[in-house]
Amino acid sequence: MPLSVLISAIASTLLLPPVSPVLLCTAGFLLRRRARRTGRLLMALGIALLLVLSTHVGALLLVRPLESQYRPLSGAGDAQAIVILGSGRIDNAPEYGGIDDANMIGMKRLQYGAYLHRQTGLPILVTGGAPDGSPESEAALMARTLSRDFGVETRWQEGRSNNTAENATMSAAMLKAAGITRILLVTDSIHMPRSMRAFAQTGLDVRAAPTMFATSARPRVVDYFPNASNLRLASYAMHECVGQLWYMIRH
C-alpha cells in the first residue's frame, strides 16, 4: 500500500464518524476536572453529533449539498465515451470462487454505466488501480464484472491510479491518445462533485452522469431513528466534503 494512501486512510479515520465524535467525548472526559463546563460541552457535542448523523435526516444535511450540484443525466449529447470510476472491492468473494468483486457502490456505478452503454452504444473506460496493494486492479475486476453480469465489454482499462485525481489524469491520457475528448462520467451522486473537479482539469469535455441519489427517497418516520447505515452515509458524505477541500488546497 502506498504511503500516501495509508496516511489518507488514517486521516479519514480520525476526522470522520464514528471516531471523530468519540474523540470529542474523550477530550471532554479528560477535561472534566480542569475545565468542567468545556468538558461537559465536548461530551454532549460528541454524543449529539453521533446520534444526529446516525439518522437519515441528519445524514442528508451533509448529502444534499453534494447531490444537488449535478442532476441526473438528461441526454448523452455528443459524448464519445463513458468513463466509470472505481470504488473499492470485496476481497476473495467466495460465491465467485474467491476472486475479488466490486463493492456495493462500485456495482451501482457499473450497472448505470452498462445501462448508458446500451442506450448510447458508446465505448467504456473503467478506471481504478490497487491502492490497497491487491494483486489485481479495480479496473480489471470492473471489466470482468461488466462482462459477466451485464454482457458489456470494456474498451479501455486504466489500472494504475490510486485516487480520484489520478483516475482523471491517467484516464484522460488514454482517451486523448485514442482521439476521445468528450465523455460521460459515471460515479455516485455524492462523489460526483469531487470527480468533476478532478476531470475538469484534464482538458476533457465532461458531462456528469451521476447515480445513487440518497435524497430522492420519500420521507418516512424511521428517518428520525438512529441507524448504523445512516452513519455510514453521513461519513461518506463528510469524506467527500473533506476531499473537495483538500483538492482545492492542493490543486
Foldseek 3Di string as FASTA:
>chain_A
DDPVLVVLVVVLQCPAPPNVLVVLLVVLVVCCPVPVVSSVVSNVVSVVLQFQLLFLVSLVVLQVVQLVVADADPDQPPAQAEEFEADDWDALDVVVPGHIAGDPQSVQLLVVRLVVCVVPVHAYEYEFACLVPDPGFSQVRSQVCCCPPPVHHHDYYHHDDHDLLSRQQSVLVVQVVVVGQGYEYEGASLQVVLNCVSNVVNNGHYDYRHDDRSVPDDDDPRSSGGDPVSSVSSSSSVSNVVVSVVVVVPD
